[in-house]
Amino acid sequence: MRRSVLLLVCCLCLSVSGSAVTYAQKQKETYVANIDQDGVQRVRIVGGGYFFKPYHIIVKVNVPVELSASREAGIVPHNLVIKAPEAGIAVDEELATEIKKIAFTATAVGKYPLYCSNKLLFFASHRERGMEGVLEVVP
């Protein structure tokens, strides 16, 4: 009897974690930034429950970028990190529920990771739990 209950619990846990991964994969959308009339590429990005939306952001090289970044409501703190010194990008900002404007100009073509660097004690970091994405800079 105990073995059956344990087996049932294990199956349920695998099912729930599998559906969470499937849900997260479906949320990995791509956003291609347009250049506004003032010459700035504007992108809205939201962080939350171990995700960034959009997951994949595409911007043009040598054109100013303005990210409007925030996090979902809740008590879990998140940040946004994009470290690409070879492209002139150095972002490390705490996110709040209010929108924060983050400006930079990417100077090199490439794909650069964006992620949340927060970590609680001995638990997996937010990045390890899936809170990451890609900033792609194109010609």
Protein backbone atom coordinates (compact mmCIF):
# COMPACT_ATOMS: atom_id res chain seq x y z
CA MET A 1 0.00 0.00 0.00
CA ARG A 2 2.73 2.49 0.98
CA ARG A 3 4.63 1.63 -2.16
CA SER A 4 1.55 2.37 -4.30
CA VAL A 5 1.01 5.73 -2.60
CA LEU A 6 4.69 6.62 -3.03
CA LEU A 7 4.55 5.65 -6.71
CA LEU A 8 1.41 7.77 -7.19
CA VAL A 9 3.04 10.79 -5.51
CA CYS A 10 6.17 10.42 -7.67
CA CYS A 11 4.08 10.24 -10.84
CA LEU A 12 2.12 13.34 -9.84
CA CYS A 13 5.32 15.27 -9.10
CA LEU A 14 6.80 14.34 -12.47
CA SER A 15 3.57 15.28 -14.20
CA VAL A 16 3.39 18.68 -12.51
CA SER A 17 7.05 19.51 -13.15
CA GLY A 18 6.72 18.34 -16.75
CA SER A 19 3.69 20.54 -17.33
CA ALA A 20 5.52 23.49 -15.74
CA VAL A 21 8.40 23.00 -18.17
CA THR A 22 5.96 22.73 -21.08
CA TYR A 23 4.22 25.94 -19.92
CA ALA A 24 7.58 27.73 -19.62
CA GLN A 25 8.67 26.58 -23.07
CA LYS A 26 5.43 27.89 -24.61
CA GLN A 27 6.08 31.28 -23.02
CA LYS A 28 9.46 31.73 -24.76
CA GLU A 29 8.38 34.36 -27.22
CA THR A 30 10.58 36.46 -29.48
CA TYR A 31 10.26 40.23 -29.81
CA VAL A 32 11.89 42.13 -32.67
CA ALA A 33 12.36 45.77 -31.69
CA ASN A 34 11.34 48.47 -34.14
CA ILE A 35 13.18 51.76 -34.39
CA ASP A 36 10.86 54.58 -33.29
CA GLN A 37 10.80 57.96 -35.06
CA ASP A 38 13.27 59.33 -32.52
CA GLY A 39 15.78 56.59 -33.43
CA VAL A 40 15.36 54.51 -30.24
CA GLN A 41 14.42 50.83 -30.06
CA ARG A 42 11.97 50.37 -27.18
CA VAL A 43 11.25 47.02 -25.57
CA ARG A 44 8.91 46.16 -22.69
CA ILE A 45 10.25 43.27 -20.56
CA VAL A 46 8.66 41.68 -17.49
CA GLY A 47 10.27 39.26 -15.05
CA GLY A 48 8.40 36.97 -12.72
CA GLY A 49 7.96 33.36 -11.53
CA TYR A 50 11.35 32.37 -13.00
CA PHE A 51 10.81 33.73 -16.51
CA PHE A 52 11.38 36.80 -18.64
CA LYS A 53 8.80 37.86 -21.17
CA PRO A 54 9.77 38.21 -23.91
CA TYR A 55 12.42 35.53 -23.66
CA HIS A 56 14.25 36.48 -26.86
CA ILE A 57 14.77 40.14 -27.78
CA ILE A 58 16.23 41.16 -31.13
CA VAL A 59 17.71 44.67 -31.56
CA LYS A 60 19.88 46.37 -34.18
CA VAL A 61 23.54 47.11 -33.52
CA ASN A 62 24.60 50.75 -32.92
CA VAL A 63 21.01 51.90 -32.39
CA PRO A 64 20.00 53.08 -28.88
CA VAL A 65 17.85 50.63 -26.88
CA GLU A 66 15.47 51.51 -24.07
CA LEU A 67 14.17 48.62 -21.98
CA SER A 68 11.08 49.29 -19.88
CA ALA A 69 11.66 46.62 -17.25
CA SER A 70 9.60 45.50 -14.27
CA ARG A 71 8.65 42.40 -12.34
CA GLU A 72 5.32 40.84 -11.50
CA ALA A 73 3.78 41.65 -8.14
CA GLY A 74 4.88 39.43 -5.28
CA ILE A 75 7.49 39.13 -2.58
CA VAL A 76 10.23 37.38 -4.57
CA PRO A 77 12.90 39.91 -5.64
CA HIS A 78 14.27 39.72 -9.18
CA ASN A 79 16.89 41.60 -11.15
CA LEU A 80 17.93 41.93 -14.78
CA VAL A 81 21.55 41.27 -15.74
CA ILE A 82 23.09 41.57 -19.20
CA LYS A 83 26.88 41.44 -19.07
CA ALA A 84 28.39 41.86 -22.53
CA PRO A 85 31.36 44.22 -22.26
CA GLU A 86 32.45 43.23 -25.77
CA ALA A 87 29.20 44.83 -26.98
CA GLY A 88 29.25 47.81 -24.62
CA ILE A 89 26.40 46.41 -22.49
CA ALA A 90 26.55 46.45 -18.69
CA VAL A 91 23.09 46.04 -17.15
CA ASP A 92 22.58 44.97 -13.52
CA GLU A 93 19.32 46.41 -12.24
CA GLU A 94 16.93 45.40 -9.47
CA LEU A 95 13.39 45.07 -10.79
CA ALA A 96 10.32 46.51 -9.10
CA THR A 97 6.64 46.46 -9.94
CA GLU A 98 7.07 50.00 -11.26
CA ILE A 99 8.65 50.25 -14.71
CA LYS A 100 12.35 51.12 -14.75
CA LYS A 101 13.93 52.53 -17.92
CA ILE A 102 17.28 50.96 -18.84
CA ALA A 103 19.20 52.48 -21.76
CA PHE A 104 22.20 51.20 -23.71
CA THR A 105 23.54 50.93 -27.24
CA ALA A 106 24.88 47.55 -28.32
CA THR A 107 28.09 47.97 -30.32
CA ALA A 108 28.68 44.38 -31.46
CA VAL A 109 26.56 41.77 -33.20
CA GLY A 110 25.94 38.56 -31.22
CA LYS A 111 23.71 36.71 -28.80
CA TYR A 112 24.03 37.71 -25.16
CA PRO A 113 22.36 36.08 -22.16
CA LEU A 114 20.01 38.07 -19.97
CA TYR A 115 19.12 36.63 -16.59
CA CYS A 116 18.20 37.10 -12.94
CA SER A 117 21.22 36.53 -10.71
CA ASN A 118 19.32 36.23 -7.42
CA LYS A 119 19.80 33.13 -5.29
CA LEU A 120 18.49 32.17 -1.85
CA LEU A 121 20.86 30.29 0.44
CA PHE A 122 21.55 26.79 -0.90
CA PHE A 123 18.63 26.73 -3.38
CA ALA A 124 19.10 26.90 -7.15
CA SER A 125 19.60 30.41 -8.50
CA HIS A 126 16.77 32.07 -10.36
CA ARG A 127 18.78 31.64 -13.55
CA GLU A 128 19.19 27.92 -12.89
CA ARG A 129 15.42 27.74 -12.39
CA GLY A 130 14.82 29.15 -15.87
CA MET A 131 14.83 32.91 -15.38
CA GLU A 132 16.99 33.72 -18.37
CA GLY A 133 16.64 34.84 -21.95
CA VAL A 134 18.58 36.10 -24.94
CA LEU A 135 19.38 39.56 -26.25
CA GLU A 136 20.30 39.17 -29.90
CA VAL A 137 22.02 42.06 -31.63
CA VAL A 138 21.79 41.97 -35.42
CA PRO A 139 23.29 44.11 -38.21
